[in-house]
Amino acid sequence: MANATQMTSYANVNQLTFTGRISATKVVSGKNGDFLAVTMITNIANDKSVNVTFNDSNAINGIMKLEANGKLPVGRMVTVTGTIDNVSEVYLDKAGEPVMRKRPELKLIGATILRGGLGALPKSVTATRVLQGTPVKVGTPVSDLTPEDAYSDNTADAATAPVDEAPAPF
């Protein structure tokens, strides 16, 4: 019989959801091809915030495609779901000395922005957003609309609907 140290408990691998604002996105070339590195800032308590970082390399229908289509500008509110891979408050500088981060960092793996996870755009982006299509002129309503009976020649339209009868008492 196996003991607890020999078995992996997959129930302990939790999915977490964070809502915050995009603070940086960057397409990076790695040994396995290009991927998108995303950093977002979220609040965990009053006046306490953390960086949530995650990567994505799915250019077909993933987060990387959202970036390529201009849907992830800095400042956009997003809701992301993933599994925490690492937590750090310190990093090593070029000289190898430990340096405290401005905010603690949570690194997610398997990150996904679910349907409805794209939130508000920053004001600077919404003000310059170009709407596609033909301009629509809004005017005063027209009062001489065609009456409903002119739309149909079906006599069934004029018939009254049946009325339910009250159930008989027992």
C-alpha atoms as a PDB file:
ATOM      1  CA  MET A   1       0.000   0.000   0.000  1.00  0.00           C
ATOM      2  CA  ALA A   2       1.306   3.471  -0.905  1.00  0.00           C
ATOM      3  CA  ASN A   3       1.648   6.198   1.687  1.00  0.00           C
ATOM      4  CA  ALA A   4       0.822   9.895   1.256  1.00  0.00           C
ATOM      5  CA  THR A   5       4.358  10.832   0.153  1.00  0.00           C
ATOM      6  CA  GLN A   6       4.218   8.388  -2.772  1.00  0.00           C
ATOM      7  CA  MET A   7       0.903   9.596  -4.139  1.00  0.00           C
ATOM      8  CA  THR A   8       0.056  12.878  -5.837  1.00  0.00           C
ATOM      9  CA  SER A   9      -3.152  14.464  -4.644  1.00  0.00           C
ATOM     10  CA  TYR A  10      -4.529  16.272  -7.690  1.00  0.00           C
ATOM     11  CA  ALA A  11      -7.357  17.666  -5.578  1.00  0.00           C
ATOM     12  CA  ASN A  12      -4.770  19.968  -3.985  1.00  0.00           C
ATOM     13  CA  VAL A  13      -3.920  21.661  -7.298  1.00  0.00           C
ATOM     14  CA  ASN A  14      -6.349  24.560  -7.082  1.00  0.00           C
ATOM     15  CA  GLN A  15      -7.466  26.965  -9.768  1.00  0.00           C
ATOM     16  CA  LEU A  16      -7.527  30.588  -8.637  1.00  0.00           C
ATOM     17  CA  THR A  17      -9.161  33.580 -10.269  1.00  0.00           C
ATOM     18  CA  PHE A  18      -7.773  37.107 -10.155  1.00  0.00           C
ATOM     19  CA  THR A  19      -9.257  40.356 -11.442  1.00  0.00           C
ATOM     20  CA  GLY A  20      -6.910  43.259 -12.060  1.00  0.00           C
ATOM     21  CA  ARG A  21      -5.432  45.643 -14.612  1.00  0.00           C
ATOM     22  CA  ILE A  22      -2.857  44.796 -17.258  1.00  0.00           C
ATOM     23  CA  SER A  23       0.396  46.576 -16.395  1.00  0.00           C
ATOM     24  CA  ALA A  24       2.667  45.092 -19.086  1.00  0.00           C
ATOM     25  CA  THR A  25       2.576  42.754 -22.085  1.00  0.00           C
ATOM     26  CA  LYS A  26       5.548  41.655 -24.143  1.00  0.00           C
ATOM     27  CA  VAL A  27       6.029  39.097 -26.914  1.00  0.00           C
ATOM     28  CA  VAL A  28       9.243  37.197 -26.163  1.00  0.00           C
ATOM     29  CA  SER A  29      11.190  34.745 -28.317  1.00  0.00           C
ATOM     30  CA  GLY A  30      12.157  31.628 -26.386  1.00  0.00           C
ATOM     31  CA  LYS A  31      13.740  28.281 -27.178  1.00  0.00           C
ATOM     32  CA  ASN A  32      10.297  26.840 -28.042  1.00  0.00           C
ATOM     33  CA  GLY A  33       9.127  29.811 -30.109  1.00  0.00           C
ATOM     34  CA  ASP A  34       7.358  33.082 -29.350  1.00  0.00           C
ATOM     35  CA  PHE A  35       5.195  33.576 -26.282  1.00  0.00           C
ATOM     36  CA  LEU A  36       3.375  36.432 -24.596  1.00  0.00           C
ATOM     37  CA  ALA A  37       4.463  37.497 -21.099  1.00  0.00           C
ATOM     38  CA  VAL A  38       1.701  39.330 -19.208  1.00  0.00           C
ATOM     39  CA  THR A  39       1.837  41.172 -15.892  1.00  0.00           C
ATOM     40  CA  MET A  40      -1.288  42.408 -14.164  1.00  0.00           C
ATOM     41  CA  ILE A  41      -1.754  44.188 -10.841  1.00  0.00           C
ATOM     42  CA  THR A  42      -4.490  43.125  -8.463  1.00  0.00           C
ATOM     43  CA  ASN A  43      -5.431  44.154  -4.933  1.00  0.00           C
ATOM     44  CA  ILE A  44      -5.453  41.458  -2.252  1.00  0.00           C
ATOM     45  CA  ALA A  45      -6.425  43.788   0.619  1.00  0.00           C
ATOM     46  CA  ASN A  46      -6.737  47.505   1.286  1.00  0.00           C
ATOM     47  CA  ASP A  47      -3.529  49.186   0.088  1.00  0.00           C
ATOM     48  CA  LYS A  48      -1.899  45.803  -0.634  1.00  0.00           C
ATOM     49  CA  SER A  49      -1.422  44.741  -4.222  1.00  0.00           C
ATOM     50  CA  VAL A  50       0.464  41.963  -5.992  1.00  0.00           C
ATOM     51  CA  ASN A  51       1.702  41.339  -9.503  1.00  0.00           C
ATOM     52  CA  VAL A  52       0.189  38.315 -11.226  1.00  0.00           C
ATOM     53  CA  THR A  53       2.329  37.094 -14.134  1.00  0.00           C
ATOM     54  CA  PHE A  54       1.545  34.472 -16.740  1.00  0.00           C
ATOM     55  CA  ASN A  55       2.657  33.375 -20.203  1.00  0.00           C
ATOM     56  CA  ASP A  56       0.747  32.184 -23.248  1.00  0.00           C
ATOM     57  CA  SER A  57       1.930  30.912 -26.616  1.00  0.00           C
ATOM     58  CA  ASN A  58      -1.410  30.110 -28.255  1.00  0.00           C
ATOM     59  CA  ALA A  59      -1.542  32.484 -31.218  1.00  0.00           C
ATOM     60  CA  ILE A  60      -4.615  30.785 -32.695  1.00  0.00           C
ATOM     61  CA  ASN A  61      -7.263  31.299 -30.002  1.00  0.00           C
ATOM     62  CA  GLY A  62      -5.427  32.133 -26.773  1.00  0.00           C
ATOM     63  CA  ILE A  63      -4.340  35.178 -24.823  1.00  0.00           C
ATOM     64  CA  MET A  64      -1.557  35.816 -27.344  1.00  0.00           C
ATOM     65  CA  LYS A  65      -4.181  36.280 -30.078  1.00  0.00           C
ATOM     66  CA  LEU A  66      -5.993  38.835 -27.895  1.00  0.00           C
ATOM     67  CA  GLU A  67      -2.748  40.816 -27.652  1.00  0.00           C
ATOM     68  CA  ALA A  68      -2.137  40.549 -31.400  1.00  0.00           C
ATOM     69  CA  ASN A  69      -5.636  41.943 -32.024  1.00  0.00           C
ATOM     70  CA  GLY A  70      -5.057  44.881 -29.663  1.00  0.00           C
ATOM     71  CA  LYS A  71      -7.477  43.603 -27.008  1.00  0.00           C
ATOM     72  CA  LEU A  72      -4.959  43.727 -24.090  1.00  0.00           C
ATOM     73  CA  PRO A  73      -3.760  47.330 -23.810  1.00  0.00           C
ATOM     74  CA  VAL A  74      -2.038  48.465 -20.637  1.00  0.00           C
ATOM     75  CA  GLY A  75      -4.719  49.446 -18.135  1.00  0.00           C
ATOM     76  CA  ARG A  76      -7.402  47.027 -19.332  1.00  0.00           C
ATOM     77  CA  MET A  77      -9.318  45.223 -16.591  1.00  0.00           C
ATOM     78  CA  VAL A  78      -9.181  41.415 -17.008  1.00  0.00           C
ATOM     79  CA  THR A  79     -10.173  38.341 -15.036  1.00  0.00           C
ATOM     80  CA  VAL A  80      -7.683  35.487 -15.357  1.00  0.00           C
ATOM     81  CA  THR A  81      -7.845  31.933 -14.011  1.00  0.00           C
ATOM     82  CA  GLY A  82      -4.846  29.673 -13.447  1.00  0.00           C
ATOM     83  CA  THR A  83      -2.776  27.614 -11.036  1.00  0.00           C
ATOM     84  CA  ILE A  84      -0.111  29.272  -8.868  1.00  0.00           C
ATOM     85  CA  ASP A  85       3.315  27.974  -9.864  1.00  0.00           C
ATOM     86  CA  ASN A  86       5.526  30.294  -7.816  1.00  0.00           C
ATOM     87  CA  VAL A  87       5.359  33.136  -5.300  1.00  0.00           C
ATOM     88  CA  SER A  88       8.263  35.538  -4.783  1.00  0.00           C
ATOM     89  CA  GLU A  89       9.037  38.773  -2.994  1.00  0.00           C
ATOM     90  CA  VAL A  90      12.748  38.883  -3.883  1.00  0.00           C
ATOM     91  CA  TYR A  91      14.745  38.655  -7.102  1.00  0.00           C
ATOM     92  CA  LEU A  92      18.474  38.630  -7.829  1.00  0.00           C
ATOM     93  CA  ASP A  93      19.953  41.636  -9.612  1.00  0.00           C
ATOM     94  CA  LYS A  94      22.736  41.376 -12.219  1.00  0.00           C
ATOM     95  CA  ALA A  95      25.374  41.258  -9.482  1.00  0.00           C
ATOM     96  CA  GLY A  96      23.565  38.368  -7.777  1.00  0.00           C
ATOM     97  CA  GLU A  97      22.373  40.457  -4.841  1.00  0.00           C
ATOM     98  CA  PRO A  98      18.822  39.929  -3.519  1.00  0.00           C
ATOM     99  CA  VAL A  99      16.455  42.841  -4.124  1.00  0.00           C
ATOM    100  CA  MET A 100      12.922  43.237  -2.718  1.00  0.00           C
ATOM    101  CA  ARG A 101      10.202  43.514  -5.344  1.00  0.00           C
ATOM    102  CA  LYS A 102       7.948  46.556  -5.378  1.00  0.00           C
ATOM    103  CA  ARG A 103       5.007  44.122  -5.063  1.00  0.00           C
ATOM    104  CA  PRO A 104       5.010  40.368  -4.348  1.00  0.00           C
ATOM    105  CA  GLU A 105       4.679  38.314  -7.530  1.00  0.00           C
ATOM    106  CA  LEU A 106       2.390  35.338  -8.170  1.00  0.00           C
ATOM    107  CA  LYS A 107       3.281  33.303 -11.266  1.00  0.00           C
ATOM    108  CA  LEU A 108       0.409  31.395 -12.862  1.00  0.00           C
ATOM    109  CA  ILE A 109       0.574  28.395 -15.165  1.00  0.00           C
ATOM    110  CA  GLY A 110      -2.268  27.317 -17.409  1.00  0.00           C
ATOM    111  CA  ALA A 111      -3.649  30.849 -17.329  1.00  0.00           C
ATOM    112  CA  THR A 112      -6.878  31.522 -19.192  1.00  0.00           C
ATOM    113  CA  ILE A 113      -9.095  34.541 -19.691  1.00  0.00           C
ATOM    114  CA  LEU A 114     -12.546  33.001 -19.706  1.00  0.00           C
ATOM    115  CA  ARG A 115     -15.519  34.292 -21.694  1.00  0.00           C
ATOM    116  CA  GLY A 116     -16.596  37.564 -20.123  1.00  0.00           C
ATOM    117  CA  GLY A 117     -13.149  38.072 -18.581  1.00  0.00           C
ATOM    118  CA  LEU A 118     -12.252  41.126 -20.637  1.00  0.00           C
ATOM    119  CA  GLY A 119     -13.312  44.167 -18.663  1.00  0.00           C
ATOM    120  CA  ALA A 120     -13.229  47.902 -19.055  1.00  0.00           C
ATOM    121  CA  LEU A 121     -10.673  49.586 -21.270  1.00  0.00           C
ATOM    122  CA  PRO A 122      -8.671  52.524 -19.946  1.00  0.00           C
ATOM    123  CA  LYS A 123     -10.125  55.948 -20.798  1.00  0.00           C
ATOM    124  CA  SER A 124      -7.227  56.756 -23.141  1.00  0.00           C
ATOM    125  CA  VAL A 125      -8.069  53.732 -25.316  1.00  0.00           C
ATOM    126  CA  THR A 126     -11.830  54.169 -25.315  1.00  0.00           C
ATOM    127  CA  ALA A 127     -11.538  57.833 -26.323  1.00  0.00           C
ATOM    128  CA  THR A 128      -9.543  56.972 -29.462  1.00  0.00           C
ATOM    129  CA  ARG A 129     -11.467  53.833 -30.361  1.00  0.00           C
ATOM    130  CA  VAL A 130     -12.718  53.803 -33.953  1.00  0.00           C
ATOM    131  CA  LEU A 131     -16.098  52.259 -34.609  1.00  0.00           C
ATOM    132  CA  GLN A 132     -16.465  50.228 -37.778  1.00  0.00           C
ATOM    133  CA  GLY A 133     -19.359  50.570 -40.188  1.00  0.00           C
ATOM    134  CA  THR A 134     -21.553  53.223 -41.675  1.00  0.00           C
ATOM    135  CA  PRO A 135     -22.502  56.329 -39.707  1.00  0.00           C
ATOM    136  CA  VAL A 136     -26.108  56.351 -38.552  1.00  0.00           C
ATOM    137  CA  LYS A 137     -28.103  59.570 -38.529  1.00  0.00           C
ATOM    138  CA  VAL A 138     -30.425  59.946 -35.595  1.00  0.00           C
ATOM    139  CA  GLY A 139     -33.410  62.144 -36.223  1.00  0.00           C
ATOM    140  CA  THR A 140     -36.897  62.768 -34.951  1.00  0.00           C
ATOM    141  CA  PRO A 141     -39.278  59.781 -34.969  1.00  0.00           C
ATOM    142  CA  VAL A 142     -41.615  59.495 -37.928  1.00  0.00           C
ATOM    143  CA  SER A 143     -45.263  59.789 -36.889  1.00  0.00           C
ATOM    144  CA  ASP A 144     -46.857  58.337 -40.031  1.00  0.00           C
ATOM    145  CA  LEU A 145     -45.910  54.701 -39.485  1.00  0.00           C
ATOM    146  CA  THR A 146     -47.985  52.056 -41.213  1.00  0.00           C
ATOM    147  CA  PRO A 147     -50.653  50.589 -38.918  1.00  0.00           C
ATOM    148  CA  GLU A 148     -50.183  46.948 -37.908  1.00  0.00           C
ATOM    149  CA  ASP A 149     -53.213  45.711 -39.850  1.00  0.00           C
ATOM    150  CA  ALA A 150     -51.575  46.818 -43.100  1.00  0.00           C
ATOM    151  CA  TYR A 151     -48.698  44.346 -42.593  1.00  0.00           C
ATOM    152  CA  SER A 152     -50.813  41.198 -42.914  1.00  0.00           C
ATOM    153  CA  ASP A 153     -53.771  40.001 -44.914  1.00  0.00           C
ATOM    154  CA  ASN A 154     -54.196  36.975 -42.686  1.00  0.00           C
ATOM    155  CA  THR A 155     -57.614  36.866 -41.035  1.00  0.00           C
ATOM    156  CA  ALA A 156     -56.151  34.831 -38.187  1.00  0.00           C
ATOM    157  CA  ASP A 157     -54.369  37.966 -37.007  1.00  0.00           C
ATOM    158  CA  ALA A 158     -57.697  39.553 -36.186  1.00  0.00           C
ATOM    159  CA  ALA A 159     -58.979  36.535 -34.232  1.00  0.00           C
ATOM    160  CA  THR A 160     -59.030  36.730 -30.466  1.00  0.00           C
ATOM    161  CA  ALA A 161     -56.945  34.339 -28.441  1.00  0.00           C
ATOM    162  CA  PRO A 162     -58.772  31.620 -26.490  1.00  0.00           C
ATOM    163  CA  VAL A 163     -59.324  32.220 -22.796  1.00  0.00           C
ATOM    164  CA  ASP A 164     -58.526  29.492 -20.265  1.00  0.00           C
ATOM    165  CA  GLU A 165     -61.451  28.319 -18.251  1.00  0.00           C
ATOM    166  CA  ALA A 166     -61.288  28.082 -14.505  1.00  0.00           C
ATOM    167  CA  PRO A 167     -60.719  24.517 -13.258  1.00  0.00           C
ATOM    168  CA  ALA A 168     -63.796  22.729 -11.984  1.00  0.00           C
ATOM    169  CA  PRO A 169     -63.989  22.427  -8.186  1.00  0.00           C
ATOM    170  CA  PHE A 170     -63.592  18.945  -6.636  1.00  0.00           C
END
